[in-house]
Structure formats: C-alpha cells, structure tokens
Amino acid sequence: MATLLGRLPLKSLNIFRVVARLKSFKKAADELCVTSQAVSLQIRSLEEALSITLFQRFPAGVGLTPAGERLYEYTERSLQLLEQGIREAQACQQRRQFRINASPWFAVHRLLPVLDQFEQLHPEIDIKITTAVGFPDFSDQRLDCAIQWGWGQWPSSAKQLLLKDDKRLVCAPSLLNDIKTLNTSQDLKHHRLLCTQLSVSLWQQLSNTLNLDLLLDQQALVLDSQASQVEATEKGLGVALISDALALQACHQGRLIMPLWKTPVSVLNPALLPGYWLVVGEERQQDTLTLAFKKWLFNTLKGDERFAGF
C-alpha cells in the first residue's frame, strides 16, 4: 500500500475529488483553471494506476462507479484530515514550545501532579516533558531547562538546588547474622552495595570520607530506579543509601534498620548531600517564560521540608 500511494500524486486525487463532486470534467476544469483535456488525462492516469474504473461517462456528464464512490469517500476523509493536520502544524509552529527534561522521580512525584497549574497560567504555550536518568543534551533536545539529581557538577552557569536529597545507610534486619555483621564501617567491605546508576558516585564519596577501600566494581549492584533499590534492600540483598524520608519510614515500620549511624550521611561529610537541581539553558537565562517557570516551580516546592530555598 505504501508503494501504491507513493505512485499516486496528490494532484490526481484532488482532481478526482473535484470531478466526483461536480460530476463534470468541464466544470472541474473551470474550477481548477485547467483544460478539460488535462482533467481527463489525470483521471485516466489515475484509473490506469489503480486498475479500476472510477467514472461512468454520459453525454451530459459523469457519475461515480461503485469503486469510485468508495474511493471518493476515503479520499474526502483523508484530504480533510490532511488539511486539518496542516492547519494544526501551522498553529503549532506559531505557539511557543517549552521543553523540560526531568529526573524520573522528580517528574512523577513533584512536577507532573501540579504541571496543569502552570499550563493554566500560560495557555499560549505547549509544554514538552521528557525524562532521563543521566544529564541531557540541551542542544540536541532543544531544552529550555532540566531538573537533575546530583551535586550540581554540570557545566552550566545557571543552576540552583531545588530539593535536598539526604541519604541514610540502611539494610534489612535479615541481612545480618552471626557470620555476616555490620558493626563498623569496615564491615561494608563484606556486603553487596545497592545503588542506582547515578548513586554509584555517592558510594565512592562515602568510601573516601570513611577511608575505606570498597571494591565498587565488584560490590555494587546497579538497579534501574530508587523503587527497585528499596525493594532489593528490604529483601536483604545488600546495603543501600536510601533517601531520608523513605529510610525513616521503612525503619519505623521495621522493614529496614540503620546498623551504623542514626543520622543522614551528610552529617559525616556535607559534600555527601545530593539533591534535585534546576539547570537552565545558557541562552534561556533571561527568557521571560523560563523565569516565570522557575518562580512558579519554587513556589510549588517551598512547602517541602527538603526545599533548599530561593
């Protein structure tokens, strides 16, 4: 079908549509500002390409054959749909596209649930949301801004911490026994370390802070999400650094324990504190819409106890 459509010029289908509506080659030619012979040749070429007869010829005009009626029905619907698509594409080009890339957790838990509020404030724009674990390519994705988990280590002069994401070292009660203990930080060398792709570096920083020689290549089990990390930890598959609120809730419910410290790891070293950062494209720093989004986003987060402040 794709090959057949590729051989049919849109011009022929449009002429067929006009002839079918007017039931006359001459009237169609007058409306299209071409000769009757040109219309006749286009219809004949279309019939030969399709191997079907589209019109019955009469002295006073033409009429559609049953096959022609069916094709006219679909042609009319298809060209109307195409015209609608062209109008929408033209309207889309005239509307401002505002593109945001966000870390998956932030997108699901903090951005998407309230994004309709910003859309109502700015009905004249189209907001495009993408998610990615790693830092996105601003140029390739034509981004206005990104919301990224980490330590603000990215090459941008326009970045600001939104939410702090302090961690606690936890494990399942079932992980520890007389043989496998976790009484001192040195015992971490004998356990599997559960993490996500981005938090491998957090384990490395903790190892440096404690002067440990952790073999991350061998010990780290990298999981696809924080949810998978929590689940694996509760099943006793290893030790993890879990976000403060999640860790405290799981410990309160008895699903996890804090075997070494009862405090977040940032108490050991403030540099261990990651978070979710707003990163603005260099050319968008003074953009009115981007500044409006930044102000709106800060206002939605200010009630969160982890909010880093304006």
Protein backbone atom coordinates (compact mmCIF):
# COMPACT_ATOMS: atom_id res chain seq x y z
CA MET A 1 0.00 0.00 0.00
CA ALA A 2 2.82 2.40 0.82
CA THR A 3 4.33 1.74 -2.64
CA LEU A 4 0.96 2.32 -4.34
CA LEU A 5 0.36 5.60 -2.51
CA GLY A 6 3.84 6.69 -3.41
CA ARG A 7 2.93 6.40 -7.12
CA LEU A 8 -0.24 8.48 -6.77
CA PRO A 9 0.31 12.24 -6.93
CA LEU A 10 -1.83 14.28 -4.56
CA LYS A 11 -2.79 16.42 -7.55
CA SER A 12 -4.57 13.49 -9.25
CA LEU A 13 -6.52 12.64 -6.12
CA ASN A 14 -7.59 16.25 -5.72
CA ILE A 15 -8.78 16.43 -9.35
CA PHE A 16 -10.68 13.16 -8.85
CA ARG A 17 -12.29 14.69 -5.75
CA VAL A 18 -13.44 17.80 -7.69
CA VAL A 19 -14.78 15.83 -10.66
CA ALA A 20 -16.68 13.49 -8.32
CA ARG A 21 -18.25 16.44 -6.53
CA LEU A 22 -19.22 18.37 -9.70
CA LYS A 23 -19.99 15.30 -11.85
CA SER A 24 -18.42 17.01 -14.83
CA PHE A 25 -14.93 17.18 -16.33
CA LYS A 26 -15.68 20.64 -17.80
CA LYS A 27 -16.94 22.13 -14.54
CA ALA A 28 -13.98 20.62 -12.70
CA ALA A 29 -11.62 22.13 -15.29
CA ASP A 30 -13.22 25.57 -14.86
CA GLU A 31 -12.91 25.41 -11.07
CA LEU A 32 -9.30 24.24 -11.26
CA CYS A 33 -8.39 26.70 -14.01
CA VAL A 34 -7.10 23.98 -16.35
CA THR A 35 -8.35 22.46 -19.62
CA SER A 36 -10.91 19.67 -19.79
CA GLN A 37 -8.30 17.59 -21.61
CA ALA A 38 -5.86 17.96 -18.69
CA VAL A 39 -8.55 16.82 -16.25
CA SER A 40 -9.43 13.86 -18.45
CA LEU A 41 -5.77 12.81 -18.74
CA GLN A 42 -5.29 13.00 -14.95
CA ILE A 43 -8.36 10.84 -14.30
CA ARG A 44 -7.34 8.32 -16.97
CA SER A 45 -3.83 8.09 -15.46
CA LEU A 46 -5.34 7.56 -12.01
CA GLU A 47 -7.64 4.80 -13.28
CA GLU A 48 -4.73 3.07 -15.01
CA ALA A 49 -2.54 3.32 -11.90
CA LEU A 50 -5.29 1.80 -9.75
CA SER A 51 -6.52 -0.66 -12.41
CA ILE A 52 -10.13 0.35 -11.71
CA THR A 53 -12.80 2.38 -13.49
CA LEU A 54 -13.75 5.39 -11.40
CA PHE A 55 -16.36 7.12 -13.59
CA GLN A 56 -19.17 6.20 -15.92
CA ARG A 57 -19.20 8.57 -18.89
CA PHE A 58 -22.55 10.03 -20.00
CA PRO A 59 -23.38 12.62 -22.70
CA ALA A 60 -24.41 15.09 -20.01
CA GLY A 61 -21.58 14.41 -17.57
CA VAL A 62 -20.04 11.64 -15.49
CA GLY A 63 -21.05 9.54 -12.47
CA LEU A 64 -19.07 7.51 -10.00
CA THR A 65 -18.85 3.75 -10.31
CA PRO A 66 -19.28 1.72 -7.07
CA ALA A 67 -15.46 1.55 -6.84
CA GLY A 68 -15.27 5.29 -7.48
CA GLU A 69 -17.81 6.00 -4.75
CA ARG A 70 -15.75 4.03 -2.25
CA LEU A 71 -12.53 5.79 -3.25
CA TYR A 72 -14.24 9.19 -3.11
CA GLU A 73 -15.45 8.50 0.42
CA TYR A 74 -11.94 7.68 1.63
CA THR A 75 -10.28 10.44 -0.41
CA GLU A 76 -12.64 13.04 1.04
CA ARG A 77 -11.96 11.91 4.58
CA SER A 78 -8.22 11.62 4.02
CA LEU A 79 -7.78 15.04 2.42
CA GLN A 80 -9.92 16.68 5.10
CA LEU A 81 -7.72 15.04 7.71
CA LEU A 82 -4.61 16.21 5.87
CA GLU A 83 -5.94 19.77 5.72
CA GLN A 84 -6.65 19.63 9.45
CA GLY A 85 -3.12 18.37 10.08
CA ILE A 86 -1.65 21.22 8.04
CA ARG A 87 -3.69 23.79 9.97
CA GLU A 88 -2.64 22.30 13.29
CA ALA A 89 1.00 22.15 12.20
CA GLN A 90 0.85 25.82 11.23
CA ALA A 91 -0.76 26.69 14.56
CA CYS A 92 1.85 24.59 16.40
CA GLN A 93 4.65 26.48 14.70
CA GLN A 94 3.19 29.74 15.92
CA ARG A 95 2.96 28.51 19.56
CA ARG A 96 5.96 28.60 21.88
CA GLN A 97 7.37 25.19 22.75
CA PHE A 98 8.70 24.96 26.31
CA ARG A 99 10.85 21.85 26.77
CA ILE A 100 11.77 20.40 30.17
CA ASN A 101 13.79 17.28 30.92
CA ALA A 102 13.41 15.93 34.46
CA SER A 103 14.77 13.10 36.55
CA PRO A 104 12.10 10.34 36.60
CA TRP A 105 11.39 10.59 40.35
CA PHE A 106 11.02 14.36 40.26
CA ALA A 107 8.81 14.23 37.17
CA VAL A 108 6.42 11.67 38.71
CA HIS A 109 6.30 12.97 42.28
CA ARG A 110 6.84 16.72 42.06
CA LEU A 111 6.32 18.08 38.54
CA LEU A 112 3.54 16.25 36.67
CA PRO A 113 1.00 16.28 39.56
CA VAL A 114 0.95 20.10 39.54
CA LEU A 115 2.01 20.97 35.98
CA ASP A 116 -1.57 21.76 34.95
CA GLN A 117 -1.37 24.81 37.22
CA PHE A 118 1.47 26.26 35.14
CA GLU A 119 -0.33 25.31 31.91
CA GLN A 120 -3.40 27.23 33.05
CA LEU A 121 -1.23 30.28 33.72
CA HIS A 122 0.29 30.01 30.23
CA PRO A 123 -2.31 28.53 27.84
CA GLU A 124 -0.46 30.05 24.88
CA ILE A 125 2.48 27.58 25.12
CA ASP A 126 2.99 23.87 24.54
CA ILE A 127 4.95 22.18 27.33
CA LYS A 128 7.00 19.13 26.39
CA ILE A 129 8.26 16.88 29.22
CA THR A 130 10.92 14.21 28.81
CA THR A 131 12.64 12.15 31.49
CA ALA A 132 16.16 10.79 31.75
CA VAL A 133 18.43 9.50 34.48
CA GLY A 134 21.60 11.00 33.06
CA PHE A 135 22.22 14.65 32.27
CA PRO A 136 20.52 15.54 28.95
CA ASP A 137 21.95 17.16 25.85
CA PHE A 138 20.45 20.67 25.88
CA SER A 139 21.34 21.41 22.27
CA ASP A 140 20.20 18.11 20.79
CA GLN A 141 16.87 18.13 22.65
CA ARG A 142 16.40 21.93 22.32
CA LEU A 143 15.72 22.15 26.05
CA ASP A 144 14.78 25.25 27.98
CA CYS A 145 15.68 23.70 31.33
CA ALA A 146 16.35 20.43 33.13
CA ILE A 147 15.73 19.15 36.64
CA GLN A 148 18.56 16.81 37.52
CA TRP A 149 19.68 14.73 40.51
CA GLY A 150 23.25 15.18 41.62
CA TRP A 151 25.68 17.65 43.18
CA GLY A 152 25.45 20.48 40.66
CA GLN A 153 28.51 19.21 38.84
CA TRP A 154 27.28 20.08 35.34
CA PRO A 155 28.90 22.65 33.03
CA SER A 156 26.30 25.38 33.37
CA SER A 157 26.39 28.79 35.00
CA ALA A 158 22.61 28.75 35.55
CA LYS A 159 21.83 26.06 38.12
CA GLN A 160 20.16 26.14 41.50
CA LEU A 161 19.44 23.49 44.11
CA LEU A 162 15.70 22.82 44.49
CA LEU A 163 15.36 19.88 46.91
CA LYS A 164 17.95 18.33 49.18
CA ASP A 165 18.07 14.54 48.99
CA ASP A 166 19.99 13.41 52.08
CA LYS A 167 20.62 9.67 52.43
CA ARG A 168 20.71 7.15 55.26
CA LEU A 169 22.64 3.90 55.28
CA VAL A 170 20.17 1.04 55.77
CA CYS A 171 19.73 -2.68 55.34
CA ALA A 172 17.13 -5.34 56.11
CA PRO A 173 17.25 -6.97 59.58
CA SER A 174 17.51 -10.34 57.82
CA LEU A 175 20.81 -9.34 56.19
CA LEU A 176 22.75 -9.51 59.44
CA ASN A 177 23.58 -12.63 61.43
CA ASP A 178 26.40 -14.12 63.50
CA ILE A 179 28.50 -14.65 60.39
CA LYS A 180 27.61 -11.55 58.37
CA THR A 181 27.82 -8.49 60.63
CA LEU A 182 27.76 -4.75 60.15
CA ASN A 183 29.13 -3.35 63.37
CA THR A 184 31.68 -0.91 61.93
CA SER A 185 32.13 0.89 58.63
CA GLN A 186 34.94 -1.56 57.79
CA ASP A 187 32.33 -4.31 57.59
CA LEU A 188 30.88 -2.65 54.48
CA LYS A 189 33.68 -4.31 52.53
CA HIS A 190 31.91 -7.66 53.04
CA HIS A 191 28.48 -6.62 51.74
CA ARG A 192 26.83 -6.01 48.41
CA LEU A 193 26.22 -2.29 47.85
CA LEU A 194 22.86 -1.47 46.28
CA CYS A 195 22.61 1.70 44.19
CA THR A 196 21.22 3.31 41.07
CA GLN A 197 23.28 4.41 38.10
CA LEU A 198 23.80 7.91 39.47
CA SER A 199 24.34 6.98 43.11
CA VAL A 200 27.42 4.84 42.43
CA SER A 201 29.39 8.05 42.89
CA LEU A 202 27.73 8.57 46.29
CA TRP A 203 29.14 5.27 47.49
CA GLN A 204 32.54 6.32 46.16
CA GLN A 205 32.38 9.61 48.07
CA LEU A 206 31.29 7.81 51.24
CA SER A 207 34.17 5.37 50.81
CA ASN A 208 36.61 8.27 50.54
CA THR A 209 35.10 10.01 53.58
CA LEU A 210 35.48 6.87 55.72
CA ASN A 211 38.90 5.95 54.28
CA LEU A 212 37.53 2.62 53.10
CA ASP A 213 38.79 0.60 50.19
CA LEU A 214 35.45 -0.51 48.79
CA LEU A 215 35.64 -2.53 45.57
CA LEU A 216 32.73 -0.86 43.82
CA ASP A 217 33.26 -2.72 40.55
CA GLN A 218 32.69 -5.97 42.42
CA GLN A 219 30.41 -4.92 45.27
CA ALA A 220 27.97 -2.54 43.59
CA LEU A 221 24.66 -3.85 42.24
CA VAL A 222 23.29 -1.11 39.99
CA LEU A 223 19.47 -1.05 39.81
CA ASP A 224 17.24 0.86 37.43
CA SER A 225 15.37 3.01 39.95
CA GLN A 226 15.09 4.05 43.58
CA ALA A 227 11.98 1.88 43.89
CA SER A 228 13.96 -1.19 42.80
CA GLN A 229 16.74 -0.22 45.19
CA VAL A 230 14.33 -0.04 48.14
CA GLU A 231 12.73 -3.35 47.22
CA ALA A 232 16.10 -5.10 46.89
CA THR A 233 17.21 -3.66 50.23
CA GLU A 234 14.07 -4.86 52.02
CA LYS A 235 14.65 -8.35 50.58
CA GLY A 236 18.05 -8.45 52.25
CA LEU A 237 20.09 -8.33 49.07
CA GLY A 238 22.56 -5.75 50.35
CA VAL A 239 23.20 -2.38 51.99
CA ALA A 240 21.84 0.82 50.46
CA LEU A 241 21.88 4.59 50.79
CA ILE A 242 18.18 5.47 50.74
CA SER A 243 16.54 8.91 50.70
CA ASP A 244 15.99 10.20 54.23
CA ALA A 245 12.18 10.15 54.40
CA LEU A 246 11.87 6.73 52.75
CA ALA A 247 14.54 5.27 55.02
CA LEU A 248 12.95 6.63 58.19
CA GLN A 249 9.51 5.32 57.19
CA ALA A 250 10.86 1.85 56.40
CA CYS A 251 12.82 1.76 59.66
CA HIS A 252 9.78 2.89 61.65
CA GLN A 253 7.79 0.04 60.10
CA GLY A 254 10.54 -2.46 60.87
CA ARG A 255 11.32 -3.24 57.24
CA LEU A 256 14.81 -1.71 57.45
CA ILE A 257 17.35 -0.82 60.10
CA MET A 258 20.20 1.69 60.39
CA PRO A 259 23.09 -0.52 61.52
CA LEU A 260 25.90 2.07 61.70
CA TRP A 261 24.53 5.60 62.18
CA LYS A 262 21.16 7.01 63.17
CA THR A 263 21.85 10.19 61.19
CA PRO A 264 21.95 11.09 57.49
CA VAL A 265 25.30 10.59 55.78
CA SER A 266 25.70 14.35 55.23
CA VAL A 267 26.47 14.57 58.96
CA LEU A 268 29.67 12.66 58.18
CA ASN A 269 30.51 14.99 55.33
CA PRO A 270 28.33 17.84 53.96
CA ALA A 271 29.71 17.09 50.50
CA LEU A 272 27.73 13.82 50.55
CA LEU A 273 24.45 15.73 50.24
CA PRO A 274 22.97 15.45 46.72
CA GLY A 275 19.72 16.94 45.52
CA TYR A 276 17.49 17.89 42.62
CA TRP A 277 18.77 20.91 40.72
CA LEU A 278 17.18 23.25 38.22
CA VAL A 279 19.55 23.77 35.30
CA VAL A 280 18.65 26.44 32.75
CA GLY A 281 20.00 26.58 29.20
CA GLU A 282 22.64 29.28 28.82
CA GLU A 283 20.64 31.22 26.22
CA ARG A 284 17.44 30.95 28.30
CA GLN A 285 18.69 32.59 31.50
CA GLN A 286 16.88 35.88 30.84
CA ASP A 287 13.95 34.36 28.94
CA THR A 288 10.66 35.64 30.38
CA LEU A 289 8.87 32.28 30.24
CA THR A 290 11.81 30.40 31.76
CA LEU A 291 11.99 32.88 34.62
CA ALA A 292 8.24 32.52 35.15
CA PHE A 293 8.57 28.72 35.28
CA LYS A 294 11.43 28.99 37.77
CA LYS A 295 9.41 31.26 40.06
CA TRP A 296 6.33 29.01 39.80
CA LEU A 297 8.38 25.87 40.49
CA PHE A 298 9.98 27.36 43.58
CA ASN A 299 6.56 28.35 44.93
CA THR A 300 5.23 24.79 44.46
CA LEU A 301 8.20 23.34 46.37
CA LYS A 302 8.52 25.80 49.24
CA GLY A 303 6.24 23.70 51.48
CA ASP A 304 8.56 20.69 51.17
CA GLU A 305 10.85 20.37 54.21
CA ARG A 306 13.69 19.48 51.85
CA PHE A 307 13.32 22.72 49.86
CA ALA A 308 16.69 24.43 49.50
CA GLY A 309 15.29 27.97 49.49
CA PHE A 310 15.00 30.79 46.95
